[in-house]
C-alpha cells in the first residue's frame, strides 16, 4: 500500500464534531453527508449488534474505523490495502492525537487541531506502507 492508497482521514469527537480532516484526493464530496453516514452506521452497529465497527468494504474503497474514549478515527482507503498496516497507522494517529490534544477536544478554538497536519504527514512518511 502506498500513501496514495489513502483517500480521506477524519478524527471525530464523540459528539460527532469533526476535529481534524485530511483529503488525499481532489474529489471531495459533501463532508456533512459523510459525517452523517459515519454516525448513522456507528449508531446502528452499537444499537443492533452491540458491537463496534472496524471497517466497511465497498466496491472500490475500505472505510476503516478506530475508536478511543474521546474520539474516533475514520480512514478511507483503496480496497486493496492490508488491514494490518491500516490498524498500525490508526493506532499511531490515535496516540499522537491524544498526546497533542488530550483535554482539548471541546475547545472553543477548533483551529488548534489544524496543527495535527504536520504530525500526520510524519506518521505517514515514517510508516512503511
C-alpha atoms as a PDB file:
ATOM      1  CA  UNK A   1       0.000   0.000   0.000  1.00  0.00           C
ATOM      2  CA  UNK A   2       1.238   3.469  -0.755  1.00  0.00           C
ATOM      3  CA  UNK A   3       0.279   6.828   0.702  1.00  0.00           C
ATOM      4  CA  UNK A   4      -1.737   7.277  -2.483  1.00  0.00           C
ATOM      5  CA  UNK A   5      -3.989   4.459  -1.275  1.00  0.00           C
ATOM      6  CA  UNK A   6      -5.382   6.742   1.426  1.00  0.00           C
ATOM      7  CA  UNK A   7      -8.329   8.870   0.336  1.00  0.00           C
ATOM      8  CA  UNK A   8      -9.537  10.619   3.500  1.00  0.00           C
ATOM      9  CA  UNK A   9      -8.815  10.804   7.215  1.00  0.00           C
ATOM     10  CA  UNK A  10     -11.242  12.217   9.751  1.00  0.00           C
ATOM     11  CA  UNK A  11     -10.879  12.487  13.505  1.00  0.00           C
ATOM     12  CA  UNK A  12     -14.318  12.952  15.003  1.00  0.00           C
ATOM     13  CA  UNK A  13     -15.331  13.764  18.581  1.00  0.00           C
ATOM     14  CA  UNK A  14     -17.846  11.541  20.356  1.00  0.00           C
ATOM     15  CA  UNK A  15     -20.469  14.254  19.775  1.00  0.00           C
ATOM     16  CA  UNK A  16     -19.774  13.881  16.008  1.00  0.00           C
ATOM     17  CA  UNK A  17     -17.928  17.174  15.500  1.00  0.00           C
ATOM     18  CA  UNK A  18     -15.032  16.929  13.061  1.00  0.00           C
ATOM     19  CA  UNK A  19     -11.843  17.709  14.950  1.00  0.00           C
ATOM     20  CA  UNK A  20      -9.465  17.121  12.054  1.00  0.00           C
ATOM     21  CA  UNK A  21      -9.737  16.090   8.430  1.00  0.00           C
ATOM     22  CA  UNK A  22      -7.317  15.466   5.602  1.00  0.00           C
ATOM     23  CA  UNK A  23      -8.169  14.736   1.981  1.00  0.00           C
ATOM     24  CA  UNK A  24      -5.710  12.949  -0.275  1.00  0.00           C
ATOM     25  CA  UNK A  25      -7.799  13.107  -3.430  1.00  0.00           C
ATOM     26  CA  UNK A  26      -9.160  16.118  -5.239  1.00  0.00           C
ATOM     27  CA  UNK A  27     -12.726  14.905  -5.463  1.00  0.00           C
ATOM     28  CA  UNK A  28     -14.041  15.978  -2.048  1.00  0.00           C
ATOM     29  CA  UNK A  29     -17.738  15.389  -1.852  1.00  0.00           C
ATOM     30  CA  UNK A  30     -20.076  16.833   0.773  1.00  0.00           C
ATOM     31  CA  UNK A  31     -18.316  16.162   4.078  1.00  0.00           C
ATOM     32  CA  UNK A  32     -21.557  16.604   6.018  1.00  0.00           C
ATOM     33  CA  UNK A  33     -23.012  13.686   4.062  1.00  0.00           C
ATOM     34  CA  UNK A  34     -20.017  11.531   5.040  1.00  0.00           C
ATOM     35  CA  UNK A  35     -20.293  12.548   8.676  1.00  0.00           C
ATOM     36  CA  UNK A  36     -23.993  11.659   8.748  1.00  0.00           C
ATOM     37  CA  UNK A  37     -23.173   8.310   7.145  1.00  0.00           C
ATOM     38  CA  UNK A  38     -20.433   7.534   9.705  1.00  0.00           C
ATOM     39  CA  UNK A  39     -22.563   8.472  12.677  1.00  0.00           C
ATOM     40  CA  UNK A  40     -25.596   6.530  11.435  1.00  0.00           C
ATOM     41  CA  UNK A  41     -23.599   3.376  10.788  1.00  0.00           C
ATOM     42  CA  UNK A  42     -21.879   3.618  14.169  1.00  0.00           C
ATOM     43  CA  UNK A  43     -25.172   4.141  15.995  1.00  0.00           C
ATOM     44  CA  UNK A  44     -26.722   1.241  14.079  1.00  0.00           C
ATOM     45  CA  UNK A  45     -23.862  -1.144  14.883  1.00  0.00           C
ATOM     46  CA  UNK A  46     -23.896  -0.253  18.586  1.00  0.00           C
ATOM     47  CA  UNK A  47     -27.695  -0.429  18.879  1.00  0.00           C
ATOM     48  CA  UNK A  48     -28.415  -3.527  16.817  1.00  0.00           C
ATOM     49  CA  UNK A  49     -25.292  -5.645  17.191  1.00  0.00           C
ATOM     50  CA  UNK A  50     -23.910  -4.167  20.434  1.00  0.00           C
ATOM     51  CA  UNK A  51     -20.510  -4.215  18.792  1.00  0.00           C
ATOM     52  CA  UNK A  52     -18.016  -1.676  17.449  1.00  0.00           C
ATOM     53  CA  UNK A  53     -17.423  -1.317  13.772  1.00  0.00           C
ATOM     54  CA  UNK A  54     -13.927  -1.921  12.375  1.00  0.00           C
ATOM     55  CA  UNK A  55     -14.419  -1.464   8.643  1.00  0.00           C
ATOM     56  CA  UNK A  56     -16.898  -1.373   5.812  1.00  0.00           C
ATOM     57  CA  UNK A  57     -15.961  -2.849   2.472  1.00  0.00           C
ATOM     58  CA  UNK A  58     -17.310  -1.036  -0.543  1.00  0.00           C
ATOM     59  CA  UNK A  59     -16.821  -1.660  -4.258  1.00  0.00           C
ATOM     60  CA  UNK A  60     -13.581   0.329  -4.576  1.00  0.00           C
ATOM     61  CA  UNK A  61     -12.940   1.567  -1.037  1.00  0.00           C
ATOM     62  CA  UNK A  62     -12.481   0.384   2.506  1.00  0.00           C
ATOM     63  CA  UNK A  63     -13.805   2.537   5.356  1.00  0.00           C
ATOM     64  CA  UNK A  64     -11.713   1.835   8.463  1.00  0.00           C
ATOM     65  CA  UNK A  65     -12.736   2.876  11.978  1.00  0.00           C
ATOM     66  CA  UNK A  66     -10.782   3.143  15.210  1.00  0.00           C
ATOM     67  CA  UNK A  67     -12.372   4.215  18.497  1.00  0.00           C
ATOM     68  CA  UNK A  68     -10.806   5.814  21.555  1.00  0.00           C
ATOM     69  CA  UNK A  69     -12.531   7.133  24.661  1.00  0.00           C
ATOM     70  CA  UNK A  70     -12.923  10.698  23.388  1.00  0.00           C
ATOM     71  CA  UNK A  71     -12.903  10.462  19.595  1.00  0.00           C
ATOM     72  CA  UNK A  72     -12.856   8.072  16.699  1.00  0.00           C
ATOM     73  CA  UNK A  73     -10.855   7.978  13.500  1.00  0.00           C
ATOM     74  CA  UNK A  74     -12.198   7.213  10.048  1.00  0.00           C
ATOM     75  CA  UNK A  75      -9.650   6.315   7.398  1.00  0.00           C
ATOM     76  CA  UNK A  76     -10.908   5.685   3.875  1.00  0.00           C
ATOM     77  CA  UNK A  77      -8.537   3.788   1.625  1.00  0.00           C
ATOM     78  CA  UNK A  78      -8.399   1.907  -1.621  1.00  0.00           C
ATOM     79  CA  UNK A  79      -9.923  -1.528  -1.232  1.00  0.00           C
ATOM     80  CA  UNK A  80      -6.682  -3.463  -1.781  1.00  0.00           C
ATOM     81  CA  UNK A  81      -4.873  -2.270   1.380  1.00  0.00           C
ATOM     82  CA  UNK A  82      -3.515  -4.528   4.086  1.00  0.00           C
ATOM     83  CA  UNK A  83      -5.703  -4.252   7.181  1.00  0.00           C
ATOM     84  CA  UNK A  84      -2.709  -4.855   9.470  1.00  0.00           C
ATOM     85  CA  UNK A  85      -0.964  -1.747   8.093  1.00  0.00           C
ATOM     86  CA  UNK A  86      -4.131   0.324   8.399  1.00  0.00           C
ATOM     87  CA  UNK A  87      -4.524  -0.705  12.053  1.00  0.00           C
ATOM     88  CA  UNK A  88      -0.906   0.283  12.674  1.00  0.00           C
ATOM     89  CA  UNK A  89      -1.495   3.718  11.152  1.00  0.00           C
ATOM     90  CA  UNK A  90      -4.746   4.175  13.085  1.00  0.00           C
ATOM     91  CA  UNK A  91      -3.016   3.388  16.392  1.00  0.00           C
ATOM     92  CA  UNK A  92      -0.219   5.856  15.639  1.00  0.00           C
ATOM     93  CA  UNK A  93      -2.746   8.550  14.707  1.00  0.00           C
ATOM     94  CA  UNK A  94      -4.736   7.926  17.886  1.00  0.00           C
ATOM     95  CA  UNK A  95      -1.683   8.017  20.132  1.00  0.00           C
ATOM     96  CA  UNK A  96      -0.245  11.159  18.554  1.00  0.00           C
ATOM     97  CA  UNK A  97      -3.566  12.995  18.548  1.00  0.00           C
ATOM     98  CA  UNK A  98      -4.169  12.137  22.209  1.00  0.00           C
ATOM     99  CA  UNK A  99      -0.656  13.219  23.196  1.00  0.00           C
ATOM    100  CA  UNK A 100      -1.072  16.578  21.469  1.00  0.00           C
ATOM    101  CA  UNK A 101      -4.683  17.431  22.303  1.00  0.00           C
ATOM    102  CA  UNK A 102      -5.761  15.476  25.379  1.00  0.00           C
ATOM    103  CA  UNK A 103      -8.319  17.565  27.267  1.00  0.00           C
ATOM    104  CA  UNK A 104      -8.833  19.968  24.346  1.00  0.00           C
ATOM    105  CA  UNK A 105     -11.433  18.026  22.351  1.00  0.00           C
ATOM    106  CA  UNK A 106     -14.155  20.520  23.292  1.00  0.00           C
ATOM    107  CA  UNK A 107     -12.015  23.605  22.796  1.00  0.00           C
ATOM    108  CA  UNK A 108     -13.693  26.830  21.746  1.00  0.00           C
ATOM    109  CA  UNK A 109     -10.828  27.211  19.284  1.00  0.00           C
ATOM    110  CA  UNK A 110     -11.202  24.259  16.873  1.00  0.00           C
ATOM    111  CA  UNK A 111      -8.418  25.645  14.670  1.00  0.00           C
ATOM    112  CA  UNK A 112      -5.865  24.218  17.131  1.00  0.00           C
ATOM    113  CA  UNK A 113      -6.435  20.803  15.577  1.00  0.00           C
ATOM    114  CA  UNK A 114      -5.029  22.066  12.262  1.00  0.00           C
ATOM    115  CA  UNK A 115      -1.593  21.711  13.853  1.00  0.00           C
ATOM    116  CA  UNK A 116      -2.018  17.948  13.588  1.00  0.00           C
ATOM    117  CA  UNK A 117      -1.425  18.091   9.828  1.00  0.00           C
ATOM    118  CA  UNK A 118       2.369  18.084  10.165  1.00  0.00           C
ATOM    119  CA  UNK A 119       2.268  15.253  12.706  1.00  0.00           C
ATOM    120  CA  UNK A 120       0.042  13.221  10.403  1.00  0.00           C
ATOM    121  CA  UNK A 121       2.416  13.770   7.479  1.00  0.00           C
ATOM    122  CA  UNK A 122       5.291  12.488   9.643  1.00  0.00           C
ATOM    123  CA  UNK A 123       3.299   9.438  10.703  1.00  0.00           C
ATOM    124  CA  UNK A 124       2.506   8.575   7.099  1.00  0.00           C
ATOM    125  CA  UNK A 125       6.045   9.300   5.924  1.00  0.00           C
ATOM    126  CA  UNK A 126       7.605   7.158   8.666  1.00  0.00           C
ATOM    127  CA  UNK A 127       5.214   4.232   8.446  1.00  0.00           C
ATOM    128  CA  UNK A 128       6.138   1.594   5.925  1.00  0.00           C
ATOM    129  CA  UNK A 129       3.153   1.217   3.689  1.00  0.00           C
END
